[in-house]
């Protein structure tokens, strides 16, 4: 059976786990119609366009 030879300290355990759970910041691209930053493959919140056509009515 696989049994650990000695206890793994909290510091060593947390150091090993730390790199897997980091969040990534979303990549932002400029909207081709208005130039505002938006997430890719999403409707622009500033002008309401997606893929060259108006999807949302923004006042």
PDB file of N, CA and C in Angstrom:
ATOM      1  N   UNK A   1       0.827  -1.186   0.000  1.00  0.00           N
ATOM      2  CA  UNK A   1       0.000   0.000   0.000  1.00  0.00           C
ATOM      3  C   UNK A   1       0.869   1.246   0.000  1.00  0.00           C
ATOM      4  N   UNK A   2       0.371   2.288  -0.612  1.00  0.00           N
ATOM      5  CA  UNK A   2       1.103   3.549  -0.635  1.00  0.00           C
ATOM      6  C   UNK A   2       0.815   4.309   0.655  1.00  0.00           C
ATOM      7  N   UNK A   3       1.802   4.368   1.518  1.00  0.00           N
ATOM      8  CA  UNK A   3       1.667   5.057   2.795  1.00  0.00           C
ATOM      9  C   UNK A   3       2.780   6.091   2.871  1.00  0.00           C
ATOM     10  N   UNK A   4       2.461   7.350   3.255  1.00  0.00           N
ATOM     11  CA  UNK A   4       3.522   8.345   3.358  1.00  0.00           C
ATOM     12  C   UNK A   4       4.500   8.005   4.475  1.00  0.00           C
ATOM     13  N   UNK A   5       5.793   8.257   4.215  1.00  0.00           N
ATOM     14  CA  UNK A   5       6.812   7.942   5.213  1.00  0.00           C
ATOM     15  C   UNK A   5       6.795   8.926   6.368  1.00  0.00           C
ATOM     16  N   UNK A   6       6.458  10.177   6.077  1.00  0.00           N
ATOM     17  CA  UNK A   6       6.420  11.168   7.148  1.00  0.00           C
ATOM     18  C   UNK A   6       5.345  12.196   6.838  1.00  0.00           C
ATOM     19  N   UNK A   7       4.997  12.962   7.865  1.00  0.00           N
ATOM     20  CA  UNK A   7       3.958  13.963   7.724  1.00  0.00           C
ATOM     21  C   UNK A   7       4.446  15.113   6.847  1.00  0.00           C
ATOM     22  N   UNK A   8       3.570  15.585   5.972  1.00  0.00           N
ATOM     23  CA  UNK A   8       3.877  16.739   5.137  1.00  0.00           C
ATOM     24  C   UNK A   8       3.364  17.973   5.865  1.00  0.00           C
ATOM     25  N   UNK A   9       4.251  18.938   6.071  1.00  0.00           N
ATOM     26  CA  UNK A   9       3.876  20.133   6.821  1.00  0.00           C
ATOM     27  C   UNK A   9       2.894  20.984   6.020  1.00  0.00           C
ATOM     28  N   UNK A  10       2.208  21.876   6.721  1.00  0.00           N
ATOM     29  CA  UNK A  10       1.242  22.748   6.075  1.00  0.00           C
ATOM     30  C   UNK A  10       1.920  23.651   5.056  1.00  0.00           C
ATOM     31  N   UNK A  11       3.110  24.111   5.377  1.00  0.00           N
ATOM     32  CA  UNK A  11       3.832  24.992   4.467  1.00  0.00           C
ATOM     33  C   UNK A  11       4.183  24.274   3.167  1.00  0.00           C
ATOM     34  N   UNK A  12       4.672  23.057   3.256  1.00  0.00           N
ATOM     35  CA  UNK A  12       5.045  22.292   2.063  1.00  0.00           C
ATOM     36  C   UNK A  12       3.802  21.916   1.244  1.00  0.00           C
ATOM     37  N   UNK A  13       2.732  21.538   1.948  1.00  0.00           N
ATOM     38  CA  UNK A  13       1.483  21.182   1.268  1.00  0.00           C
ATOM     39  C   UNK A  13       0.903  22.384   0.519  1.00  0.00           C
ATOM     40  N   UNK A  14       0.843  23.544   1.185  1.00  0.00           N
ATOM     41  CA  UNK A  14       0.272  24.737   0.578  1.00  0.00           C
ATOM     42  C   UNK A  14       1.143  25.269  -0.551  1.00  0.00           C
ATOM     43  N   UNK A  15       2.459  25.115  -0.432  1.00  0.00           N
ATOM     44  CA  UNK A  15       3.364  25.538  -1.491  1.00  0.00           C
ATOM     45  C   UNK A  15       3.122  24.713  -2.761  1.00  0.00           C
ATOM     46  N   UNK A  16       2.854  23.448  -2.587  1.00  0.00           N
ATOM     47  CA  UNK A  16       2.594  22.573  -3.722  1.00  0.00           C
ATOM     48  C   UNK A  16       1.251  22.903  -4.381  1.00  0.00           C
ATOM     49  N   UNK A  17       0.263  23.251  -3.596  1.00  0.00           N
ATOM     50  CA  UNK A  17      -1.068  23.515  -4.126  1.00  0.00           C
ATOM     51  C   UNK A  17      -1.246  24.924  -4.682  1.00  0.00           C
ATOM     52  N   UNK A  18      -0.353  25.826  -4.367  1.00  0.00           N
ATOM     53  CA  UNK A  18      -0.577  27.240  -4.663  1.00  0.00           C
ATOM     54  C   UNK A  18      -0.633  27.557  -6.144  1.00  0.00           C
ATOM     55  N   UNK A  19       0.124  26.867  -6.970  1.00  0.00           N
ATOM     56  CA  UNK A  19       0.209  27.255  -8.377  1.00  0.00           C
ATOM     57  C   UNK A  19      -1.002  26.819  -9.189  1.00  0.00           C
ATOM     58  N   UNK A  20      -1.775  25.861  -8.735  1.00  0.00           N
ATOM     59  CA  UNK A  20      -2.871  25.342  -9.533  1.00  0.00           C
ATOM     60  C   UNK A  20      -4.148  26.153  -9.404  1.00  0.00           C
ATOM     61  N   UNK A  21      -4.305  26.890  -8.328  1.00  0.00           N
ATOM     62  CA  UNK A  21      -5.586  27.529  -8.047  1.00  0.00           C
ATOM     63  C   UNK A  21      -5.599  29.026  -8.323  1.00  0.00           C
ATOM     64  N   UNK A  22      -4.569  29.539  -8.997  1.00  0.00           N
ATOM     65  CA  UNK A  22      -4.534  30.969  -9.273  1.00  0.00           C
ATOM     66  C   UNK A  22      -5.519  31.303 -10.385  1.00  0.00           C
ATOM     67  N   UNK A  23      -6.223  32.402 -10.214  1.00  0.00           N
ATOM     68  CA  UNK A  23      -7.170  32.848 -11.228  1.00  0.00           C
ATOM     69  C   UNK A  23      -6.425  33.630 -12.304  1.00  0.00           C
ATOM     70  N   UNK A  24      -6.886  33.516 -13.535  1.00  0.00           N
ATOM     71  CA  UNK A  24      -6.304  34.271 -14.626  1.00  0.00           C
ATOM     72  C   UNK A  24      -7.187  35.473 -14.916  1.00  0.00           C
ATOM     73  N   UNK A  25      -6.558  36.587 -15.207  1.00  0.00           N
ATOM     74  CA  UNK A  25      -7.348  37.755 -15.553  1.00  0.00           C
ATOM     75  C   UNK A  25      -7.825  37.614 -16.995  1.00  0.00           C
ATOM     76  N   UNK A  26      -9.033  38.072 -17.292  1.00  0.00           N
ATOM     77  CA  UNK A  26      -9.561  37.890 -18.646  1.00  0.00           C
ATOM     78  C   UNK A  26      -8.807  38.757 -19.652  1.00  0.00           C
ATOM     79  N   UNK A  27      -8.632  38.233 -20.854  1.00  0.00           N
ATOM     80  CA  UNK A  27      -7.961  39.006 -21.897  1.00  0.00           C
ATOM     81  C   UNK A  27      -8.963  39.958 -22.514  1.00  0.00           C
ATOM     82  N   UNK A  28      -8.540  41.189 -22.714  1.00  0.00           N
ATOM     83  CA  UNK A  28      -9.412  42.219 -23.253  1.00  0.00           C
ATOM     84  C   UNK A  28      -8.948  42.595 -24.656  1.00  0.00           C
ATOM     85  N   UNK A  29      -9.900  42.852 -25.533  1.00  0.00           N
ATOM     86  CA  UNK A  29      -9.617  43.303 -26.891  1.00  0.00           C
ATOM     87  C   UNK A  29     -10.391  44.587 -27.133  1.00  0.00           C
ATOM     88  N   UNK A  30      -9.933  45.369 -28.111  1.00  0.00           N
ATOM     89  CA  UNK A  30     -10.645  46.600 -28.447  1.00  0.00           C
ATOM     90  C   UNK A  30     -11.798  46.283 -29.384  1.00  0.00           C
ATOM     91  N   UNK A  31     -12.905  46.938 -29.151  1.00  0.00           N
ATOM     92  CA  UNK A  31     -14.068  46.801 -30.015  1.00  0.00           C
ATOM     93  C   UNK A  31     -13.742  47.459 -31.356  1.00  0.00           C
ATOM     94  N   UNK A  32     -13.969  46.773 -32.472  1.00  0.00           N
ATOM     95  CA  UNK A  32     -13.622  47.373 -33.764  1.00  0.00           C
ATOM     96  C   UNK A  32     -14.498  48.564 -34.151  1.00  0.00           C
ATOM     97  N   UNK A  33     -15.698  48.665 -33.591  1.00  0.00           N
ATOM     98  CA  UNK A  33     -16.576  49.763 -33.983  1.00  0.00           C
ATOM     99  C   UNK A  33     -16.399  51.003 -33.107  1.00  0.00           C
ATOM    100  N   UNK A  34     -16.252  50.828 -31.784  1.00  0.00           N
ATOM    101  CA  UNK A  34     -16.163  52.016 -30.917  1.00  0.00           C
ATOM    102  C   UNK A  34     -14.809  52.163 -30.236  1.00  0.00           C
ATOM    103  N   UNK A  35     -14.002  51.114 -30.176  1.00  0.00           N
ATOM    104  CA  UNK A  35     -12.670  51.209 -29.587  1.00  0.00           C
ATOM    105  C   UNK A  35     -12.618  50.961 -28.096  1.00  0.00           C
ATOM    106  N   UNK A  36     -13.760  50.651 -27.477  1.00  0.00           N
ATOM    107  CA  UNK A  36     -13.766  50.368 -26.040  1.00  0.00           C
ATOM    108  C   UNK A  36     -13.241  48.952 -25.807  1.00  0.00           C
ATOM    109  N   UNK A  37     -12.677  48.729 -24.621  1.00  0.00           N
ATOM    110  CA  UNK A  37     -12.179  47.391 -24.296  1.00  0.00           C
ATOM    111  C   UNK A  37     -13.337  46.482 -23.901  1.00  0.00           C
ATOM    112  N   UNK A  38     -13.286  45.245 -24.407  1.00  0.00           N
ATOM    113  CA  UNK A  38     -14.313  44.265 -24.096  1.00  0.00           C
ATOM    114  C   UNK A  38     -13.674  42.890 -24.082  1.00  0.00           C
ATOM    115  N   UNK A  39     -14.374  41.920 -23.514  1.00  0.00           N
ATOM    116  CA  UNK A  39     -13.901  40.545 -23.564  1.00  0.00           C
ATOM    117  C   UNK A  39     -14.189  39.982 -24.945  1.00  0.00           C
ATOM    118  N   UNK A  40     -13.293  39.130 -25.428  1.00  0.00           N
ATOM    119  CA  UNK A  40     -13.481  38.594 -26.773  1.00  0.00           C
ATOM    120  C   UNK A  40     -14.685  37.664 -26.826  1.00  0.00           C
ATOM    121  N   UNK A  41     -15.336  37.610 -27.972  1.00  0.00           N
ATOM    122  CA  UNK A  41     -16.537  36.796 -28.219  1.00  0.00           C
ATOM    123  C   UNK A  41     -17.700  37.204 -27.333  1.00  0.00           C
ATOM    124  N   UNK A  42     -17.761  38.482 -26.960  1.00  0.00           N
ATOM    125  CA  UNK A  42     -18.869  39.018 -26.165  1.00  0.00           C
ATOM    126  C   UNK A  42     -19.396  40.283 -26.842  1.00  0.00           C
ATOM    127  N   UNK A  43     -20.614  40.648 -26.523  1.00  0.00           N
ATOM    128  CA  UNK A  43     -21.197  41.883 -27.030  1.00  0.00           C
ATOM    129  C   UNK A  43     -20.534  43.057 -26.319  1.00  0.00           C
ATOM    130  N   UNK A  44     -20.240  44.104 -27.069  1.00  0.00           N
ATOM    131  CA  UNK A  44     -19.635  45.305 -26.482  1.00  0.00           C
ATOM    132  C   UNK A  44     -20.696  46.025 -25.653  1.00  0.00           C
ATOM    133  N   UNK A  45     -20.355  46.351 -24.417  1.00  0.00           N
ATOM    134  CA  UNK A  45     -21.312  47.031 -23.544  1.00  0.00           C
ATOM    135  C   UNK A  45     -21.424  48.515 -23.865  1.00  0.00           C
ATOM    136  N   UNK A  46     -20.407  49.064 -24.521  1.00  0.00           N
ATOM    137  CA  UNK A  46     -20.429  50.493 -24.831  1.00  0.00           C
ATOM    138  C   UNK A  46     -21.315  50.801 -26.035  1.00  0.00           C
ATOM    139  N   UNK A  47     -21.192  50.004 -27.107  1.00  0.00           N
ATOM    140  CA  UNK A  47     -21.963  50.307 -28.314  1.00  0.00           C
ATOM    141  C   UNK A  47     -23.025  49.259 -28.633  1.00  0.00           C
ATOM    142  N   UNK A  48     -22.963  48.082 -28.034  1.00  0.00           N
ATOM    143  CA  UNK A  48     -23.980  47.055 -28.236  1.00  0.00           C
ATOM    144  C   UNK A  48     -23.818  46.250 -29.510  1.00  0.00           C
ATOM    145  N   UNK A  49     -22.620  46.267 -30.107  1.00  0.00           N
ATOM    146  CA  UNK A  49     -22.409  45.535 -31.355  1.00  0.00           C
ATOM    147  C   UNK A  49     -21.615  44.274 -31.107  1.00  0.00           C
ATOM    148  N   UNK A  50     -21.897  43.269 -31.955  1.00  0.00           N
ATOM    149  CA  UNK A  50     -21.138  42.022 -31.948  1.00  0.00           C
ATOM    150  C   UNK A  50     -21.009  41.550 -33.381  1.00  0.00           C
ATOM    151  N   UNK A  51     -19.804  41.305 -33.808  1.00  0.00           N
ATOM    152  CA  UNK A  51     -19.516  40.782 -35.151  1.00  0.00           C
ATOM    153  C   UNK A  51     -20.067  41.699 -36.247  1.00  0.00           C
ATOM    154  N   UNK A  52     -19.986  43.003 -35.999  1.00  0.00           N
ATOM    155  CA  UNK A  52     -20.386  43.965 -37.026  1.00  0.00           C
ATOM    156  C   UNK A  52     -21.855  44.314 -37.078  1.00  0.00           C
ATOM    157  N   UNK A  53     -22.686  43.723 -36.241  1.00  0.00           N
ATOM    158  CA  UNK A  53     -24.099  44.063 -36.260  1.00  0.00           C
ATOM    159  C   UNK A  53     -24.574  44.437 -34.859  1.00  0.00           C
ATOM    160  N   UNK A  54     -25.621  45.241 -34.790  1.00  0.00           N
ATOM    161  CA  UNK A  54     -26.155  45.717 -33.520  1.00  0.00           C
ATOM    162  C   UNK A  54     -27.000  44.618 -32.878  1.00  0.00           C
ATOM    163  N   UNK A  55     -26.640  44.278 -31.633  1.00  0.00           N
ATOM    164  CA  UNK A  55     -27.354  43.226 -30.907  1.00  0.00           C
ATOM    165  C   UNK A  55     -28.147  43.829 -29.752  1.00  0.00           C
ATOM    166  N   UNK A  56     -27.566  44.837 -29.088  1.00  0.00           N
ATOM    167  CA  UNK A  56     -28.223  45.498 -27.968  1.00  0.00           C
ATOM    168  C   UNK A  56     -28.465  46.959 -28.296  1.00  0.00           C
ATOM    169  N   UNK A  57     -29.558  47.500 -27.789  1.00  0.00           N
ATOM    170  CA  UNK A  57     -29.803  48.929 -27.912  1.00  0.00           C
ATOM    171  C   UNK A  57     -29.245  49.606 -26.669  1.00  0.00           C
ATOM    172  N   UNK A  58     -28.213  50.422 -26.873  1.00  0.00           N
ATOM    173  CA  UNK A  58     -27.551  51.104 -25.763  1.00  0.00           C
ATOM    174  C   UNK A  58     -27.855  52.592 -25.882  1.00  0.00           C
ATOM    175  N   UNK A  59     -28.341  53.164 -24.787  1.00  0.00           N
ATOM    176  CA  UNK A  59     -28.640  54.599 -24.804  1.00  0.00           C
ATOM    177  C   UNK A  59     -27.423  55.378 -24.401  1.00  0.00           C
TER     178      UNK A  59
END
